Amino acid sequence: MVDRGGVLTFRQSKTRDPAYIPWSCPLPAWATTLADEREQMHRAIAATPGGQMTYLATARGQTRSSKALGTLIREAARAAGIEKSAHGLRKARAVALAEAGATTHQIAA
């Protein structure tokens, strides 16, 4: 859910801890370099049929498993010439956030 403050909140599947993503609210200082990427994500979601933001739905709207999502991401990365798994892409993003000044807690969230 995106709350009234503009923050997307969801429960992480592995830890069951809540995660918070600045969806439409001002970005924190450590994330201002990611503003263009956030805007690109918003445009991509707006262009999808129905404007759904879930990556776990199939073309028919059925729920996809997290393992199937990992396969989908890996195959898309390879098609783009990037030899990374979903985990590798997540790790690359964590490094970028750390270099931008995010705290360990912010990266984990």
PDB file of N, CA and C in Angstrom:
ATOM      1  N   MET A   1       0.835  -1.183   0.000  1.00  0.00           N
ATOM      2  CA  MET A   1       0.000   0.000   0.000  1.00  0.00           C
ATOM      3  C   MET A   1       0.878   1.243   0.000  1.00  0.00           C
ATOM      4  N   VAL A   2       0.438   2.251  -0.706  1.00  0.00           N
ATOM      5  CA  VAL A   2       1.098   3.554  -0.641  1.00  0.00           C
ATOM      6  C   VAL A   2       0.260   4.397   0.320  1.00  0.00           C
ATOM      7  N   ASP A   3       0.899   4.828   1.414  1.00  0.00           N
ATOM      8  CA  ASP A   3       0.145   5.574   2.423  1.00  0.00           C
ATOM      9  C   ASP A   3      -0.058   7.023   2.000  1.00  0.00           C
ATOM     10  N   ARG A   4      -0.773   7.763   2.801  1.00  0.00           N
ATOM     11  CA  ARG A   4      -1.065   9.168   2.475  1.00  0.00           C
ATOM     12  C   ARG A   4       0.183  10.025   2.409  1.00  0.00           C
ATOM     13  N   GLY A   5       1.253   9.575   3.069  1.00  0.00           N
ATOM     14  CA  GLY A   5       2.509  10.312   3.028  1.00  0.00           C
ATOM     15  C   GLY A   5       3.325  10.018   1.785  1.00  0.00           C
ATOM     16  N   GLY A   6       2.857   9.088   0.953  1.00  0.00           N
ATOM     17  CA  GLY A   6       3.557   8.784  -0.286  1.00  0.00           C
ATOM     18  C   GLY A   6       4.618   7.709  -0.146  1.00  0.00           C
ATOM     19  N   VAL A   7       4.487   6.853   0.875  1.00  0.00           N
ATOM     20  CA  VAL A   7       5.475   5.802   1.111  1.00  0.00           C
ATOM     21  C   VAL A   7       4.823   4.438   0.857  1.00  0.00           C
ATOM     22  N   LEU A   8       5.446   3.638  -0.006  1.00  0.00           N
ATOM     23  CA  LEU A   8       5.003   2.273  -0.263  1.00  0.00           C
ATOM     24  C   LEU A   8       5.484   1.405   0.887  1.00  0.00           C
ATOM     25  N   THR A   9       4.574   0.650   1.492  1.00  0.00           N
ATOM     26  CA  THR A   9       4.908  -0.209   2.617  1.00  0.00           C
ATOM     27  C   THR A   9       4.465  -1.633   2.303  1.00  0.00           C
ATOM     28  N   PHE A  10       5.342  -2.580   2.580  1.00  0.00           N
ATOM     29  CA  PHE A  10       4.989  -3.989   2.419  1.00  0.00           C
ATOM     30  C   PHE A  10       5.797  -4.818   3.393  1.00  0.00           C
ATOM     31  N   ARG A  11       5.399  -6.057   3.586  1.00  0.00           N
ATOM     32  CA  ARG A  11       6.095  -6.968   4.491  1.00  0.00           C
ATOM     33  C   ARG A  11       7.020  -7.850   3.664  1.00  0.00           C
ATOM     34  N   GLN A  12       8.301  -7.896   4.045  1.00  0.00           N
ATOM     35  CA  GLN A  12       9.287  -8.702   3.337  1.00  0.00           C
ATOM     36  C   GLN A  12       9.011 -10.188   3.574  1.00  0.00           C
ATOM     37  N   SER A  13       9.153 -10.981   2.525  1.00  0.00           N
ATOM     38  CA  SER A  13       8.786 -12.393   2.643  1.00  0.00           C
ATOM     39  C   SER A  13       9.766 -13.191   3.507  1.00  0.00           C
ATOM     40  N   LYS A  14      11.050 -12.905   3.449  1.00  0.00           N
ATOM     41  CA  LYS A  14      12.016 -13.705   4.215  1.00  0.00           C
ATOM     42  C   LYS A  14      12.015 -13.363   5.693  1.00  0.00           C
ATOM     43  N   THR A  15      12.076 -12.085   6.014  1.00  0.00           N
ATOM     44  CA  THR A  15      12.209 -11.672   7.410  1.00  0.00           C
ATOM     45  C   THR A  15      10.876 -11.338   8.062  1.00  0.00           C
ATOM     46  N   ARG A  16       9.855 -11.102   7.249  1.00  0.00           N
ATOM     47  CA  ARG A  16       8.539 -10.664   7.710  1.00  0.00           C
ATOM     48  C   ARG A  16       8.585  -9.261   8.306  1.00  0.00           C
ATOM     49  N   ASP A  17       9.716  -8.570   8.125  1.00  0.00           N
ATOM     50  CA  ASP A  17       9.833  -7.188   8.585  1.00  0.00           C
ATOM     51  C   ASP A  17       9.191  -6.259   7.557  1.00  0.00           C
ATOM     52  N   PRO A  18       8.708  -5.094   7.999  1.00  0.00           N
ATOM     53  CA  PRO A  18       8.153  -4.141   7.035  1.00  0.00           C
ATOM     54  C   PRO A  18       9.273  -3.473   6.235  1.00  0.00           C
ATOM     55  N   ALA A  19       8.952  -3.110   5.001  1.00  0.00           N
ATOM     56  CA  ALA A  19       9.880  -2.361   4.152  1.00  0.00           C
ATOM     57  C   ALA A  19       9.166  -1.089   3.716  1.00  0.00           C
ATOM     58  N   TYR A  20       9.908  -0.013   3.571  1.00  0.00           N
ATOM     59  CA  TYR A  20       9.344   1.285   3.233  1.00  0.00           C
ATOM     60  C   TYR A  20      10.090   1.853   2.032  1.00  0.00           C
ATOM     61  N   ILE A  21       9.331   2.267   1.011  1.00  0.00           N
ATOM     62  CA  ILE A  21       9.932   2.813  -0.200  1.00  0.00           C
ATOM     63  C   ILE A  21       9.306   4.175  -0.470  1.00  0.00           C
ATOM     64  N   PRO A  22      10.127   5.231  -0.601  1.00  0.00           N
ATOM     65  CA  PRO A  22       9.570   6.555  -0.898  1.00  0.00           C
ATOM     66  C   PRO A  22       8.976   6.547  -2.307  1.00  0.00           C
ATOM     67  N   TRP A  23       7.645   6.451  -2.396  1.00  0.00           N
ATOM     68  CA  TRP A  23       6.972   6.244  -3.669  1.00  0.00           C
ATOM     69  C   TRP A  23       6.679   7.563  -4.368  1.00  0.00           C
ATOM     70  N   SER A  24       6.057   8.472  -3.653  1.00  0.00           N
ATOM     71  CA  SER A  24       5.742   9.767  -4.249  1.00  0.00           C
ATOM     72  C   SER A  24       6.120  10.929  -3.335  1.00  0.00           C
ATOM     73  N   CYS A  25       6.591  10.611  -2.138  1.00  0.00           N
ATOM     74  CA  CYS A  25       7.040  11.645  -1.214  1.00  0.00           C
ATOM     75  C   CYS A  25       8.453  12.094  -1.608  1.00  0.00           C
ATOM     76  N   PRO A  26       8.927  13.169  -1.062  1.00  0.00           N
ATOM     77  CA  PRO A  26      10.303  13.579  -1.361  1.00  0.00           C
ATOM     78  C   PRO A  26      11.286  12.469  -0.983  1.00  0.00           C
ATOM     79  N   LEU A  27      12.297  12.300  -1.809  1.00  0.00           N
ATOM     80  CA  LEU A  27      13.316  11.286  -1.530  1.00  0.00           C
ATOM     81  C   LEU A  27      14.222  11.743  -0.401  1.00  0.00           C
ATOM     82  N   PRO A  28      14.689  10.806   0.432  1.00  0.00           N
ATOM     83  CA  PRO A  28      15.675  11.180   1.450  1.00  0.00           C
ATOM     84  C   PRO A  28      16.966  11.609   0.756  1.00  0.00           C
ATOM     85  N   ALA A  29      17.800  12.335   1.452  1.00  0.00           N
ATOM     86  CA  ALA A  29      19.027  12.884   0.856  1.00  0.00           C
ATOM     87  C   ALA A  29      19.880  11.817   0.187  1.00  0.00           C
ATOM     88  N   TRP A  30      20.002  10.633   0.810  1.00  0.00           N
ATOM     89  CA  TRP A  30      20.849   9.592   0.249  1.00  0.00           C
ATOM     90  C   TRP A  30      20.290   8.998  -1.037  1.00  0.00           C
ATOM     91  N   ALA A  31      19.020   9.261  -1.353  1.00  0.00           N
ATOM     92  CA  ALA A  31      18.396   8.667  -2.535  1.00  0.00           C
ATOM     93  C   ALA A  31      18.104   9.663  -3.645  1.00  0.00           C
ATOM     94  N   THR A  32      18.492  10.910  -3.469  1.00  0.00           N
ATOM     95  CA  THR A  32      18.160  11.914  -4.485  1.00  0.00           C
ATOM     96  C   THR A  32      18.783  11.603  -5.847  1.00  0.00           C
ATOM     97  N   THR A  33      19.893  10.886  -5.849  1.00  0.00           N
ATOM     98  CA  THR A  33      20.509  10.523  -7.136  1.00  0.00           C
ATOM     99  C   THR A  33      19.681   9.482  -7.880  1.00  0.00           C
ATOM    100  N   LEU A  34      18.684   8.917  -7.221  1.00  0.00           N
ATOM    101  CA  LEU A  34      17.845   7.884  -7.834  1.00  0.00           C
ATOM    102  C   LEU A  34      16.518   8.437  -8.348  1.00  0.00           C
ATOM    103  N   ALA A  35      16.338   9.750  -8.334  1.00  0.00           N
ATOM    104  CA  ALA A  35      15.063  10.352  -8.737  1.00  0.00           C
ATOM    105  C   ALA A  35      14.693   9.996 -10.174  1.00  0.00           C
ATOM    106  N   ASP A  36      15.649  10.012 -11.091  1.00  0.00           N
ATOM    107  CA  ASP A  36      15.355   9.665 -12.485  1.00  0.00           C
ATOM    108  C   ASP A  36      14.908   8.210 -12.607  1.00  0.00           C
ATOM    109  N   GLU A  37      15.538   7.319 -11.848  1.00  0.00           N
ATOM    110  CA  GLU A  37      15.148   5.912 -11.886  1.00  0.00           C
ATOM    111  C   GLU A  37      13.744   5.720 -11.327  1.00  0.00           C
ATOM    112  N   ARG A  38      13.416   6.450 -10.278  1.00  0.00           N
ATOM    113  CA  ARG A  38      12.068   6.340  -9.713  1.00  0.00           C
ATOM    114  C   ARG A  38      11.041   6.819 -10.732  1.00  0.00           C
ATOM    115  N   GLU A  39      11.336   7.902 -11.418  1.00  0.00           N
ATOM    116  CA  GLU A  39      10.421   8.412 -12.438  1.00  0.00           C
ATOM    117  C   GLU A  39      10.277   7.414 -13.587  1.00  0.00           C
ATOM    118  N   GLN A  40      11.363   6.778 -13.967  1.00  0.00           N
ATOM    119  CA  GLN A  40      11.309   5.760 -15.020  1.00  0.00           C
ATOM    120  C   GLN A  40      10.424   4.586 -14.583  1.00  0.00           C
ATOM    121  N   MET A  41      10.543   4.176 -13.332  1.00  0.00           N
ATOM    122  CA  MET A  41       9.714   3.096 -12.801  1.00  0.00           C
ATOM    123  C   MET A  41       8.240   3.491 -12.836  1.00  0.00           C
ATOM    124  N   HIS A  42       7.919   4.729 -12.446  1.00  0.00           N
ATOM    125  CA  HIS A  42       6.539   5.188 -12.453  1.00  0.00           C
ATOM    126  C   HIS A  42       5.988   5.190 -13.886  1.00  0.00           C
ATOM    127  N   ARG A  43       6.807   5.603 -14.857  1.00  0.00           N
ATOM    128  CA  ARG A  43       6.368   5.596 -16.264  1.00  0.00           C
ATOM    129  C   ARG A  43       6.139   4.170 -16.754  1.00  0.00           C
ATOM    130  N   ALA A  44       7.021   3.250 -16.361  1.00  0.00           N
ATOM    131  CA  ALA A  44       6.878   1.855 -16.788  1.00  0.00           C
ATOM    132  C   ALA A  44       5.593   1.251 -16.219  1.00  0.00           C
ATOM    133  N   ILE A  45       5.294   1.529 -14.967  1.00  0.00           N
ATOM    134  CA  ILE A  45       4.070   0.998 -14.351  1.00  0.00           C
ATOM    135  C   ILE A  45       2.845   1.595 -15.027  1.00  0.00           C
ATOM    136  N   ALA A  46       2.888   2.894 -15.322  1.00  0.00           N
ATOM    137  CA  ALA A  46       1.750   3.550 -15.972  1.00  0.00           C
ATOM    138  C   ALA A  46       1.494   2.959 -17.359  1.00  0.00           C
ATOM    139  N   ALA A  47       2.543   2.460 -18.006  1.00  0.00           N
ATOM    140  CA  ALA A  47       2.413   1.908 -19.360  1.00  0.00           C
ATOM    141  C   ALA A  47       1.936   0.459 -19.381  1.00  0.00           C
ATOM    142  N   THR A  48       1.904  -0.205 -18.221  1.00  0.00           N
ATOM    143  CA  THR A  48       1.481  -1.602 -18.189  1.00  0.00           C
ATOM    144  C   THR A  48      -0.038  -1.688 -18.248  1.00  0.00           C
ATOM    145  N   PRO A  49      -0.561  -2.768 -18.833  1.00  0.00           N
ATOM    146  CA  PRO A  49      -2.009  -2.942 -18.844  1.00  0.00           C
ATOM    147  C   PRO A  49      -2.554  -2.964 -17.418  1.00  0.00           C
ATOM    148  N   GLY A  50      -3.490  -2.111 -17.143  1.00  0.00           N
ATOM    149  CA  GLY A  50      -4.079  -2.062 -15.810  1.00  0.00           C
ATOM    150  C   GLY A  50      -3.245  -1.282 -14.808  1.00  0.00           C
ATOM    151  N   GLY A  51      -2.044  -0.849 -15.191  1.00  0.00           N
ATOM    152  CA  GLY A  51      -1.188  -0.086 -14.296  1.00  0.00           C
ATOM    153  C   GLY A  51      -0.767  -0.832 -13.055  1.00  0.00           C
ATOM    154  N   GLN A  52      -0.677  -2.175 -13.147  1.00  0.00           N
ATOM    155  CA  GLN A  52      -0.274  -2.960 -11.986  1.00  0.00           C
ATOM    156  C   GLN A  52       1.219  -2.836 -11.753  1.00  0.00           C
ATOM    157  N   MET A  53       1.607  -2.822 -10.497  1.00  0.00           N
ATOM    158  CA  MET A  53       3.017  -2.704 -10.183  1.00  0.00           C
ATOM    159  C   MET A  53       3.615  -4.003  -9.683  1.00  0.00           C
ATOM    160  N   THR A  54       2.846  -5.069  -9.667  1.00  0.00           N
ATOM    161  CA  THR A  54       3.401  -6.318  -9.180  1.00  0.00           C
ATOM    162  C   THR A  54       4.229  -7.002 -10.255  1.00  0.00           C
ATOM    163  N   TYR A  55       5.352  -7.550  -9.852  1.00  0.00           N
ATOM    164  CA  TYR A  55       6.189  -8.317 -10.767  1.00  0.00           C
ATOM    165  C   TYR A  55       5.887  -9.803 -10.610  1.00  0.00           C
ATOM    166  N   LEU A  56       5.000 -10.124  -9.705  1.00  0.00           N
ATOM    167  CA  LEU A  56       4.692 -11.525  -9.446  1.00  0.00           C
ATOM    168  C   LEU A  56       3.495 -12.015 -10.252  1.00  0.00           C
ATOM    169  N   ALA A  57       2.878 -11.152 -11.051  1.00  0.00           N
ATOM    170  CA  ALA A  57       1.732 -11.559 -11.848  1.00  0.00           C
ATOM    171  C   ALA A  57       2.181 -11.986 -13.236  1.00  0.00           C
ATOM    172  N   THR A  58       1.547 -13.048 -13.744  1.00  0.00           N
ATOM    173  CA  THR A  58       1.819 -13.497 -15.113  1.00  0.00           C
ATOM    174  C   THR A  58       1.026 -12.619 -16.075  1.00  0.00           C
ATOM    175  N   ALA A  59       1.214 -12.844 -17.368  1.00  0.00           N
ATOM    176  CA  ALA A  59       0.471 -12.082 -18.377  1.00  0.00           C
ATOM    177  C   ALA A  59      -1.041 -12.284 -18.214  1.00  0.00           C
ATOM    178  N   ARG A  60      -1.448 -13.420 -17.646  1.00  0.00           N
ATOM    179  CA  ARG A  60      -2.870 -13.707 -17.423  1.00  0.00           C
ATOM    180  C   ARG A  60      -3.366 -13.199 -16.077  1.00  0.00           C
ATOM    181  N   GLY A  61      -2.493 -12.560 -15.303  1.00  0.00           N
ATOM    182  CA  GLY A  61      -2.886 -12.035 -14.003  1.00  0.00           C
ATOM    183  C   GLY A  61      -2.793 -13.042 -12.877  1.00  0.00           C
ATOM    184  N   GLN A  62      -2.236 -14.218 -13.142  1.00  0.00           N
ATOM    185  CA  GLN A  62      -2.068 -15.234 -12.112  1.00  0.00           C
ATOM    186  C   GLN A  62      -0.834 -14.912 -11.267  1.00  0.00           C
ATOM    187  N   THR A  63      -0.828 -15.422 -10.048  1.00  0.00           N
ATOM    188  CA  THR A  63       0.309 -15.187  -9.173  1.00  0.00           C
ATOM    189  C   THR A  63       1.496 -16.035  -9.601  1.00  0.00           C
ATOM    190  N   ARG A  64       2.663 -15.417  -9.670  1.00  0.00           N
ATOM    191  CA  ARG A  64       3.907 -16.097 -10.026  1.00  0.00           C
ATOM    192  C   ARG A  64       4.685 -16.322  -8.734  1.00  0.00           C
ATOM    193  N   SER A  65       5.373 -17.443  -8.625  1.00  0.00           N
ATOM    194  CA  SER A  65       6.167 -17.714  -7.425  1.00  0.00           C
ATOM    195  C   SER A  65       7.404 -16.816  -7.422  1.00  0.00           C
ATOM    196  N   SER A  66       7.990 -16.645  -6.241  1.00  0.00           N
ATOM    197  CA  SER A  66       9.212 -15.837  -6.168  1.00  0.00           C
ATOM    198  C   SER A  66      10.346 -16.506  -6.941  1.00  0.00           C
ATOM    199  N   LYS A  67      10.373 -17.844  -6.980  1.00  0.00           N
ATOM    200  CA  LYS A  67      11.397 -18.551  -7.759  1.00  0.00           C
ATOM    201  C   LYS A  67      11.214 -18.265  -9.248  1.00  0.00           C
ATOM    202  N   ALA A  68       9.972 -18.283  -9.710  1.00  0.00           N
ATOM    203  CA  ALA A  68       9.710 -17.972 -11.115  1.00  0.00           C
ATOM    204  C   ALA A  68      10.085 -16.525 -11.424  1.00  0.00           C
ATOM    205  N   LEU A  69       9.882 -15.631 -10.461  1.00  0.00           N
ATOM    206  CA  LEU A  69      10.281 -14.238 -10.654  1.00  0.00           C
ATOM    207  C   LEU A  69      11.790 -14.140 -10.807  1.00  0.00           C
ATOM    208  N   GLY A  70      12.544 -14.879  -9.989  1.00  0.00           N
ATOM    209  CA  GLY A  70      14.001 -14.888 -10.106  1.00  0.00           C
ATOM    210  C   GLY A  70      14.452 -15.362 -11.477  1.00  0.00           C
ATOM    211  N   THR A  71      13.793 -16.396 -11.982  1.00  0.00           N
ATOM    212  CA  THR A  71      14.108 -16.903 -13.322  1.00  0.00           C
ATOM    213  C   THR A  71      13.797 -15.845 -14.372  1.00  0.00           C
ATOM    214  N   LEU A  72      12.659 -15.184 -14.244  1.00  0.00           N
ATOM    215  CA  LEU A  72      12.269 -14.136 -15.180  1.00  0.00           C
ATOM    216  C   LEU A  72      13.301 -13.008 -15.205  1.00  0.00           C
ATOM    217  N   ILE A  73      13.745 -12.587 -14.041  1.00  0.00           N
ATOM    218  CA  ILE A  73      14.734 -11.506 -13.948  1.00  0.00           C
ATOM    219  C   ILE A  73      16.062 -11.950 -14.540  1.00  0.00           C
ATOM    220  N   ARG A  74      16.508 -13.159 -14.215  1.00  0.00           N
ATOM    221  CA  ARG A  74      17.768 -13.665 -14.748  1.00  0.00           C
ATOM    222  C   ARG A  74      17.735 -13.731 -16.273  1.00  0.00           C
ATOM    223  N   GLU A  75      16.627 -14.243 -16.832  1.00  0.00           N
ATOM    224  CA  GLU A  75      16.512 -14.349 -18.284  1.00  0.00           C
ATOM    225  C   GLU A  75      16.470 -12.977 -18.950  1.00  0.00           C
ATOM    226  N   ALA A  76      15.779 -12.017 -18.336  1.00  0.00           N
ATOM    227  CA  ALA A  76      15.723 -10.666 -18.889  1.00  0.00           C
ATOM    228  C   ALA A  76      17.093  -9.994 -18.817  1.00  0.00           C
ATOM    229  N   ALA A  77      17.808 -10.225 -17.723  1.00  0.00           N
ATOM    230  CA  ALA A  77      19.156  -9.664 -17.591  1.00  0.00           C
ATOM    231  C   ALA A  77      20.072 -10.240 -18.671  1.00  0.00           C
ATOM    232  N   ARG A  78      20.018 -11.546 -18.872  1.00  0.00           N
ATOM    233  CA  ARG A  78      20.847 -12.174 -19.913  1.00  0.00           C
ATOM    234  C   ARG A  78      20.506 -11.634 -21.294  1.00  0.00           C
ATOM    235  N   ALA A  79      19.217 -11.461 -21.563  1.00  0.00           N
ATOM    236  CA  ALA A  79      18.792 -10.922 -22.859  1.00  0.00           C
ATOM    237  C   ALA A  79      19.331  -9.507 -23.066  1.00  0.00           C
ATOM    238  N   ALA A  80      19.533  -8.792 -21.965  1.00  0.00           N
ATOM    239  CA  ALA A  80      20.077  -7.432 -22.033  1.00  0.00           C
ATOM    240  C   ALA A  80      21.603  -7.422 -21.994  1.00  0.00           C
ATOM    241  N   GLY A  81      22.212  -8.627 -21.967  1.00  0.00           N
ATOM    242  CA  GLY A  81      23.673  -8.712 -21.945  1.00  0.00           C
ATOM    243  C   GLY A  81      24.276  -8.560 -20.569  1.00  0.00           C
ATOM    244  N   ILE A  82      23.474  -8.750 -19.538  1.00  0.00           N
ATOM    245  CA  ILE A  82      23.944  -8.629 -18.156  1.00  0.00           C
ATOM    246  C   ILE A  82      23.932 -10.018 -17.543  1.00  0.00           C
ATOM    247  N   GLU A  83      25.068 -10.517 -17.143  1.00  0.00           N
ATOM    248  CA  GLU A  83      25.147 -11.853 -16.542  1.00  0.00           C
ATOM    249  C   GLU A  83      24.991 -11.741 -15.028  1.00  0.00           C
ATOM    250  N   LYS A  84      23.772 -11.487 -14.600  1.00  0.00           N
ATOM    251  CA  LYS A  84      23.462 -11.348 -13.176  1.00  0.00           C
ATOM    252  C   LYS A  84      22.168 -12.085 -12.864  1.00  0.00           C
ATOM    253  N   SER A  85      22.056 -12.543 -11.652  1.00  0.00           N
ATOM    254  CA  SER A  85      20.813 -13.119 -11.147  1.00  0.00           C
ATOM    255  C   SER A  85      20.031 -12.004 -10.458  1.00  0.00           C
ATOM    256  N   ALA A  86      18.835 -12.329  -9.996  1.00  0.00           N
ATOM    257  CA  ALA A  86      18.073 -11.347  -9.226  1.00  0.00           C
ATOM    258  C   ALA A  86      18.877 -10.930  -7.991  1.00  0.00           C
ATOM    259  N   HIS A  87      19.536 -11.907  -7.359  1.00  0.00           N
ATOM    260  CA  HIS A  87      20.357 -11.597  -6.185  1.00  0.00           C
ATOM    261  C   HIS A  87      21.513 -10.670  -6.569  1.00  0.00           C
ATOM    262  N   GLY A  88      22.155 -10.941  -7.693  1.00  0.00           N
ATOM    263  CA  GLY A  88      23.267 -10.098  -8.139  1.00  0.00           C
ATOM    264  C   GLY A  88      22.828  -8.677  -8.426  1.00  0.00           C
ATOM    265  N   LEU A  89      21.640  -8.523  -9.013  1.00  0.00           N
ATOM    266  CA  LEU A  89      21.115  -7.181  -9.273  1.00  0.00           C
ATOM    267  C   LEU A  89      20.778  -6.468  -7.971  1.00  0.00           C
ATOM    268  N   ARG A  90      20.213  -7.220  -7.011  1.00  0.00           N
ATOM    269  CA  ARG A  90      19.898  -6.640  -5.702  1.00  0.00           C
ATOM    270  C   ARG A  90      21.181  -6.198  -4.992  1.00  0.00           C
ATOM    271  N   LYS A  91      22.214  -7.013  -5.106  1.00  0.00           N
ATOM    272  CA  LYS A  91      23.496  -6.669  -4.488  1.00  0.00           C
ATOM    273  C   LYS A  91      24.086  -5.417  -5.134  1.00  0.00           C
ATOM    274  N   ALA A  92      23.990  -5.329  -6.456  1.00  0.00           N
ATOM    275  CA  ALA A  92      24.497  -4.140  -7.160  1.00  0.00           C
ATOM    276  C   ALA A  92      23.762  -2.887  -6.701  1.00  0.00           C
ATOM    277  N   ARG A  93      22.445  -3.002  -6.494  1.00  0.00           N
ATOM    278  CA  ARG A  93      21.660  -1.857  -6.015  1.00  0.00           C
ATOM    279  C   ARG A  93      22.083  -1.494  -4.593  1.00  0.00           C
ATOM    280  N   ALA A  94      22.336  -2.493  -3.755  1.00  0.00           N
ATOM    281  CA  ALA A  94      22.764  -2.221  -2.382  1.00  0.00           C
ATOM    282  C   ALA A  94      24.089  -1.469  -2.379  1.00  0.00           C
ATOM    283  N   VAL A  95      25.006  -1.847  -3.250  1.00  0.00           N
ATOM    284  CA  VAL A  95      26.289  -1.147  -3.350  1.00  0.00           C
ATOM    285  C   VAL A  95      26.062   0.298  -3.773  1.00  0.00           C
ATOM    286  N   ALA A  96      25.199   0.503  -4.770  1.00  0.00           N
ATOM    287  CA  ALA A  96      24.914   1.868  -5.232  1.00  0.00           C
ATOM    288  C   ALA A  96      24.307   2.710  -4.115  1.00  0.00           C
ATOM    289  N   LEU A  97      23.404   2.128  -3.326  1.00  0.00           N
ATOM    290  CA  LEU A  97      22.805   2.860  -2.209  1.00  0.00           C
ATOM    291  C   LEU A  97      23.850   3.201  -1.149  1.00  0.00           C
ATOM    292  N   ALA A  98      24.731   2.247  -0.851  1.00  0.00           N
ATOM    293  CA  ALA A  98      25.792   2.503   0.132  1.00  0.00           C
ATOM    294  C   ALA A  98      26.700   3.626  -0.343  1.00  0.00           C
ATOM    295  N   GLU A  99      27.045   3.597  -1.615  1.00  0.00           N
ATOM    296  CA  GLU A  99      27.918   4.645  -2.151  1.00  0.00           C
ATOM    297  C   GLU A  99      27.224   6.012  -2.158  1.00  0.00           C
ATOM    298  N   ALA A 100      25.880   6.005  -2.184  1.00  0.00           N
ATOM    299  CA  ALA A 100      25.129   7.255  -2.154  1.00  0.00           C
ATOM    300  C   ALA A 100      24.945   7.763  -0.729  1.00  0.00           C
ATOM    301  N   GLY A 101      25.344   6.950   0.272  1.00  0.00           N
ATOM    302  CA  GLY A 101      25.277   7.386   1.659  1.00  0.00           C
ATOM    303  C   GLY A 101      24.165   6.777   2.477  1.00  0.00           C
ATOM    304  N   ALA A 102      23.446   5.780   1.939  1.00  0.00           N
ATOM    305  CA  ALA A 102      22.388   5.120   2.710  1.00  0.00           C
ATOM    306  C   ALA A 102      22.983   4.350   3.867  1.00  0.00           C
ATOM    307  N   THR A 103      22.236   4.287   4.958  1.00  0.00           N
ATOM    308  CA  THR A 103      22.696   3.514   6.116  1.00  0.00           C
ATOM    309  C   THR A 103      22.429   2.018   5.863  1.00  0.00           C
ATOM    310  N   THR A 104      23.016   1.170   6.684  1.00  0.00           N
ATOM    311  CA  THR A 104      22.783  -0.262   6.567  1.00  0.00           C
ATOM    312  C   THR A 104      21.302  -0.579   6.715  1.00  0.00           C
ATOM    313  N   HIS A 105      20.639   0.071   7.659  1.00  0.00           N
ATOM    314  CA  HIS A 105      19.206  -0.160   7.874  1.00  0.00           C
ATOM    315  C   HIS A 105      18.394   0.283   6.647  1.00  0.00           C
ATOM    316  N   GLN A 106      18.740   1.423   6.058  1.00  0.00           N
ATOM    317  CA  GLN A 106      18.025   1.894   4.883  1.00  0.00           C
ATOM    318  C   GLN A 106      18.208   0.923   3.712  1.00  0.00           C
ATOM    319  N   ILE A 107      19.412   0.418   3.540  1.00  0.00           N
ATOM    320  CA  ILE A 107      19.669  -0.538   2.465  1.00  0.00           C
ATOM    321  C   ILE A 107      18.882  -1.816   2.701  1.00  0.00           C
ATOM    322  N   ALA A 108      18.881  -2.300   3.929  1.00  0.00           N
ATOM    323  CA  ALA A 108      18.167  -3.531   4.252  1.00  0.00           C
ATOM    324  C   ALA A 108      16.664  -3.387   4.006  1.00  0.00           C
ATOM    325  N   ALA A 109      16.120  -2.216   4.279  1.00  0.00           N
ATOM    326  CA  ALA A 109      14.688  -1.990   4.074  1.00  0.00           C
ATOM    327  C   ALA A 109      14.362  -1.961   2.607  1.00  0.00           C
TER     328      ALA A 109
END
